[in-house]
Every structure is written in structure tokens, then in C-alpha cells.
Amino acid sequence: FIYGQKPLIPGWEIAFSKFLRKGTQARMILPSHLAFGHKGKDNLPPFVVLVFRMQVVDIIKAKDLPAYREKMRRQQQKKKVNLKNSYIDSKN
């Protein structure tokens, strides 16, 4: 997700703005007023408490996102090429 460009639940907004940094592992317990509140969401009922376990792997600035996506795309292509060029030795 892109922080600040799409409405997140309030608990995530608070966590990412104040506590979560690259490499952080966290367990967040969000009361309903910091989640979806009295409305609920899709298959989540109103007033539900949400629990998340997360690890922040990386944080990319929005201006650097296109270059980051291209880098990830190239890495995926490289993995596919490596898989195509590998083989299984059935004798072992």
C-alpha cells in the first residue's frame, strides 16, 4: 500500500506515522474505533477488534516507487531465467 494516498484504518495510520520503521516486527491489537468502527467492512462485523502480526520489510518513498517496481520486476525475471536454466540430476 502507499501510505497517505489511500485511506487506511486509523490504527494503521497511527502505527506507520509513529511506531513502525523498516525492520520492525509488531503485533497490533486495534480496538474497533481504530479499525472499522460501527460500520464494519465486507465480512467483518461492526465493533470488531482486529489483530495483526506484521513485519515492515521495506519503506519506499513515493517518488522512488517506479524505479523500485522495475527493480523487483527484473529480479523476478532473473529468477525465472535461472529456473529455466536449472535441471534435476535424476541419478542422485
N, C-alpha and C. Protein backbone atom coordinates (compact mmCIF):
# COMPACT_ATOMS: atom_id res chain seq x y z
N PHE A 1 0.84 -1.18 0.00
CA PHE A 1 0.00 0.00 0.00
C PHE A 1 0.87 1.23 0.00
N ILE A 2 0.29 2.32 -0.36
CA ILE A 2 1.01 3.59 -0.36
C ILE A 2 0.44 4.45 0.77
N TYR A 3 1.24 4.64 1.79
CA TYR A 3 0.82 5.39 2.96
C TYR A 3 0.50 6.83 2.58
N GLY A 4 -0.63 7.30 3.05
CA GLY A 4 -1.02 8.69 2.83
C GLY A 4 -1.76 8.94 1.53
N GLN A 5 -1.83 7.96 0.64
CA GLN A 5 -2.52 8.16 -0.64
C GLN A 5 -3.87 7.46 -0.68
N LYS A 6 -4.11 6.57 0.23
CA LYS A 6 -5.33 5.80 0.23
C LYS A 6 -5.77 5.71 1.69
N PRO A 7 -7.02 5.92 1.99
CA PRO A 7 -7.41 5.88 3.40
C PRO A 7 -7.14 4.51 4.01
N LEU A 8 -6.36 4.50 5.07
CA LEU A 8 -6.12 3.30 5.85
C LEU A 8 -6.99 3.37 7.09
N ILE A 9 -7.13 2.26 7.76
CA ILE A 9 -7.85 2.33 9.03
C ILE A 9 -7.00 3.17 9.99
N PRO A 10 -7.64 3.90 10.88
CA PRO A 10 -6.90 4.82 11.74
C PRO A 10 -5.75 4.17 12.51
N GLY A 11 -5.91 2.94 12.96
CA GLY A 11 -4.85 2.26 13.71
C GLY A 11 -3.58 2.10 12.89
N TRP A 12 -3.74 1.79 11.59
CA TRP A 12 -2.56 1.66 10.72
C TRP A 12 -1.91 3.03 10.49
N GLU A 13 -2.73 4.04 10.29
CA GLU A 13 -2.18 5.40 10.09
C GLU A 13 -1.32 5.80 11.30
N ILE A 14 -1.83 5.54 12.48
CA ILE A 14 -1.08 5.89 13.70
C ILE A 14 0.20 5.06 13.80
N ALA A 15 0.08 3.75 13.56
CA ALA A 15 1.24 2.87 13.69
C ALA A 15 2.35 3.26 12.73
N PHE A 16 2.00 3.52 11.47
CA PHE A 16 3.04 3.84 10.49
C PHE A 16 3.59 5.24 10.68
N SER A 17 2.80 6.15 11.18
CA SER A 17 3.32 7.51 11.36
C SER A 17 4.18 7.63 12.61
N LYS A 18 3.95 6.78 13.61
CA LYS A 18 4.66 6.96 14.88
C LYS A 18 5.58 5.82 15.30
N PHE A 19 5.27 4.58 14.92
CA PHE A 19 5.99 3.46 15.52
C PHE A 19 6.73 2.55 14.56
N LEU A 20 6.18 2.29 13.40
CA LEU A 20 6.73 1.27 12.52
C LEU A 20 7.80 1.84 11.61
N ARG A 21 8.94 1.19 11.60
CA ARG A 21 10.06 1.56 10.76
C ARG A 21 10.56 0.31 10.05
N LYS A 22 11.43 0.46 9.09
CA LYS A 22 11.99 -0.67 8.37
C LYS A 22 12.61 -1.66 9.36
N GLY A 23 12.24 -2.93 9.21
CA GLY A 23 12.75 -3.98 10.08
C GLY A 23 11.92 -4.24 11.32
N THR A 24 10.94 -3.38 11.58
CA THR A 24 10.09 -3.55 12.76
C THR A 24 9.19 -4.76 12.62
N GLN A 25 9.09 -5.53 13.70
CA GLN A 25 8.09 -6.59 13.79
C GLN A 25 7.12 -6.16 14.87
N ALA A 26 5.84 -6.34 14.61
CA ALA A 26 4.86 -5.84 15.56
C ALA A 26 3.62 -6.73 15.59
N ARG A 27 2.98 -6.71 16.73
CA ARG A 27 1.65 -7.30 16.87
C ARG A 27 0.76 -6.14 17.28
N MET A 28 -0.19 -5.83 16.43
CA MET A 28 -1.09 -4.71 16.70
C MET A 28 -2.47 -5.25 17.06
N ILE A 29 -3.01 -4.76 18.14
CA ILE A 29 -4.38 -5.07 18.55
C ILE A 29 -5.15 -3.76 18.46
N LEU A 30 -6.04 -3.70 17.50
CA LEU A 30 -6.76 -2.45 17.24
C LEU A 30 -8.20 -2.56 17.72
N PRO A 31 -8.59 -1.72 18.67
CA PRO A 31 -9.99 -1.68 19.07
C PRO A 31 -10.83 -1.16 17.90
N SER A 32 -12.11 -1.41 17.96
CA SER A 32 -12.97 -1.09 16.81
C SER A 32 -12.90 0.37 16.39
N HIS A 33 -12.74 1.29 17.34
CA HIS A 33 -12.70 2.71 16.96
C HIS A 33 -11.44 3.06 16.17
N LEU A 34 -10.41 2.20 16.20
CA LEU A 34 -9.22 2.40 15.37
C LEU A 34 -9.21 1.48 14.16
N ALA A 35 -10.30 0.75 13.97
CA ALA A 35 -10.42 -0.17 12.83
C ALA A 35 -11.61 0.29 11.97
N PHE A 36 -12.66 -0.51 11.90
CA PHE A 36 -13.80 -0.17 11.05
C PHE A 36 -15.02 0.32 11.81
N GLY A 37 -14.89 0.41 13.13
CA GLY A 37 -15.92 1.03 13.96
C GLY A 37 -17.29 0.40 13.85
N HIS A 38 -18.30 1.24 13.90
CA HIS A 38 -19.70 0.78 13.91
C HIS A 38 -20.19 0.31 12.54
N LYS A 39 -19.43 0.57 11.49
CA LYS A 39 -19.87 0.19 10.14
C LYS A 39 -19.46 -1.22 9.76
N GLY A 40 -18.32 -1.70 10.28
CA GLY A 40 -17.80 -2.97 9.82
C GLY A 40 -17.24 -2.82 8.42
N LYS A 41 -16.83 -3.92 7.81
CA LYS A 41 -16.27 -3.85 6.45
C LYS A 41 -16.37 -5.24 5.83
N ASP A 42 -16.96 -5.32 4.66
CA ASP A 42 -17.11 -6.59 3.93
C ASP A 42 -17.63 -7.67 4.88
N ASN A 43 -16.82 -8.69 5.17
CA ASN A 43 -17.29 -9.78 6.04
C ASN A 43 -16.93 -9.56 7.51
N LEU A 44 -16.43 -8.37 7.87
CA LEU A 44 -16.13 -8.05 9.27
C LEU A 44 -17.33 -7.36 9.89
N PRO A 45 -17.80 -7.86 11.02
CA PRO A 45 -18.96 -7.24 11.66
C PRO A 45 -18.60 -5.90 12.31
N PRO A 46 -19.60 -5.11 12.67
CA PRO A 46 -19.33 -3.86 13.39
C PRO A 46 -18.68 -4.13 14.74
N PHE A 47 -17.93 -3.17 15.21
CA PHE A 47 -17.30 -3.20 16.53
C PHE A 47 -16.32 -4.36 16.74
N VAL A 48 -15.72 -4.83 15.68
CA VAL A 48 -14.78 -5.95 15.79
C VAL A 48 -13.39 -5.42 16.17
N VAL A 49 -12.67 -6.19 16.99
CA VAL A 49 -11.28 -5.89 17.35
C VAL A 49 -10.40 -6.63 16.35
N LEU A 50 -9.44 -5.94 15.75
CA LEU A 50 -8.55 -6.56 14.77
C LEU A 50 -7.18 -6.80 15.38
N VAL A 51 -6.57 -7.94 15.03
CA VAL A 51 -5.23 -8.28 15.48
C VAL A 51 -4.38 -8.55 14.25
N PHE A 52 -3.24 -7.88 14.16
CA PHE A 52 -2.32 -8.03 13.04
C PHE A 52 -0.94 -8.40 13.57
N ARG A 53 -0.27 -9.30 12.88
CA ARG A 53 1.16 -9.53 13.08
C ARG A 53 1.81 -9.06 11.79
N MET A 54 2.81 -8.24 11.92
CA MET A 54 3.42 -7.71 10.70
C MET A 54 4.91 -7.49 10.87
N GLN A 55 5.57 -7.45 9.74
CA GLN A 55 6.98 -7.09 9.69
C GLN A 55 7.13 -6.10 8.56
N VAL A 56 7.75 -4.98 8.84
CA VAL A 56 7.99 -3.97 7.81
C VAL A 56 9.29 -4.36 7.12
N VAL A 57 9.16 -4.83 5.89
CA VAL A 57 10.32 -5.30 5.13
C VAL A 57 11.07 -4.13 4.53
N ASP A 58 10.34 -3.18 4.00
CA ASP A 58 10.98 -2.02 3.37
C ASP A 58 10.00 -0.87 3.33
N ILE A 59 10.53 0.31 3.25
CA ILE A 59 9.73 1.52 3.07
C ILE A 59 10.33 2.28 1.90
N ILE A 60 9.51 2.54 0.92
CA ILE A 60 9.96 3.21 -0.30
C ILE A 60 9.23 4.55 -0.42
N LYS A 61 9.96 5.61 -0.69
CA LYS A 61 9.33 6.91 -0.92
C LYS A 61 8.54 6.85 -2.22
N ALA A 62 7.41 7.54 -2.25
CA ALA A 62 6.52 7.51 -3.42
C ALA A 62 7.26 7.89 -4.70
N LYS A 63 8.18 8.84 -4.63
CA LYS A 63 8.89 9.27 -5.84
C LYS A 63 9.82 8.17 -6.36
N ASP A 64 10.25 7.26 -5.48
CA ASP A 64 11.15 6.17 -5.87
C ASP A 64 10.41 4.89 -6.25
N LEU A 65 9.10 4.90 -6.14
CA LEU A 65 8.32 3.68 -6.36
C LEU A 65 8.44 3.12 -7.78
N PRO A 66 8.37 3.91 -8.85
CA PRO A 66 8.52 3.33 -10.20
C PRO A 66 9.85 2.59 -10.38
N ALA A 67 10.94 3.16 -9.92
CA ALA A 67 12.25 2.51 -10.04
C ALA A 67 12.29 1.24 -9.20
N TYR A 68 11.69 1.26 -8.01
CA TYR A 68 11.66 0.09 -7.15
C TYR A 68 10.86 -1.04 -7.80
N ARG A 69 9.71 -0.71 -8.38
CA ARG A 69 8.89 -1.73 -9.06
C ARG A 69 9.65 -2.34 -10.23
N GLU A 70 10.36 -1.52 -10.97
CA GLU A 70 11.15 -2.03 -12.10
C GLU A 70 12.25 -2.96 -11.60
N LYS A 71 12.89 -2.59 -10.52
CA LYS A 71 13.93 -3.44 -9.93
C LYS A 71 13.35 -4.79 -9.53
N MET A 72 12.18 -4.79 -8.89
CA MET A 72 11.53 -6.04 -8.47
C MET A 72 11.12 -6.88 -9.68
N ARG A 73 10.65 -6.22 -10.74
CA ARG A 73 10.26 -6.93 -11.96
C ARG A 73 11.47 -7.63 -12.57
N ARG A 74 12.61 -6.93 -12.63
CA ARG A 74 13.83 -7.53 -13.18
C ARG A 74 14.30 -8.71 -12.34
N GLN A 75 14.20 -8.59 -11.03
CA GLN A 75 14.60 -9.70 -10.16
C GLN A 75 13.72 -10.92 -10.39
N GLN A 76 12.42 -10.71 -10.58
CA GLN A 76 11.51 -11.82 -10.84
C GLN A 76 11.85 -12.49 -12.17
N GLN A 77 12.15 -11.68 -13.19
CA GLN A 77 12.52 -12.24 -14.49
C GLN A 77 13.81 -13.05 -14.37
N LYS A 78 14.76 -12.54 -13.60
CA LYS A 78 16.03 -13.23 -13.41
C LYS A 78 15.81 -14.59 -12.74
N LYS A 79 14.92 -14.64 -11.77
CA LYS A 79 14.61 -15.90 -11.10
C LYS A 79 14.01 -16.89 -12.08
N LYS A 80 13.12 -16.41 -12.96
CA LYS A 80 12.50 -17.29 -13.96
C LYS A 80 13.56 -17.85 -14.91
N VAL A 81 14.50 -17.00 -15.33
CA VAL A 81 15.57 -17.45 -16.23
C VAL A 81 16.42 -18.49 -15.52
N ASN A 82 16.77 -18.26 -14.27
CA ASN A 82 17.58 -19.22 -13.52
C ASN A 82 16.87 -20.56 -13.39
N LEU A 83 15.55 -20.53 -13.19
CA LEU A 83 14.80 -21.77 -13.10
C LEU A 83 14.78 -22.51 -14.43
N LYS A 84 14.67 -21.79 -15.52
CA LYS A 84 14.65 -22.41 -16.84
C LYS A 84 15.99 -23.07 -17.15
N ASN A 85 17.07 -22.48 -16.67
CA ASN A 85 18.39 -23.00 -16.97
C ASN A 85 18.86 -24.06 -15.98
N SER A 86 18.09 -24.33 -14.95
CA SER A 86 18.49 -25.36 -13.99
C SER A 86 17.88 -26.70 -14.41
N TYR A 87 18.45 -27.76 -13.86
CA TYR A 87 17.93 -29.08 -14.18
C TYR A 87 18.07 -29.97 -12.95
N ILE A 88 17.37 -31.08 -12.96
CA ILE A 88 17.45 -32.04 -11.88
C ILE A 88 18.23 -33.25 -12.36
N ASP A 89 19.25 -33.60 -11.60
CA ASP A 89 20.05 -34.79 -11.93
C ASP A 89 19.34 -35.99 -11.34
N SER A 90 18.72 -36.78 -12.17
CA SER A 90 17.92 -37.91 -11.69
C SER A 90 18.77 -39.06 -11.16
N LYS A 91 20.07 -39.00 -11.35
CA LYS A 91 20.95 -40.07 -10.86
C LYS A 91 21.20 -39.95 -9.36
N ASN A 92 20.98 -38.77 -8.79
CA ASN A 92 21.25 -38.58 -7.35
C ASN A 92 20.01 -38.77 -6.53
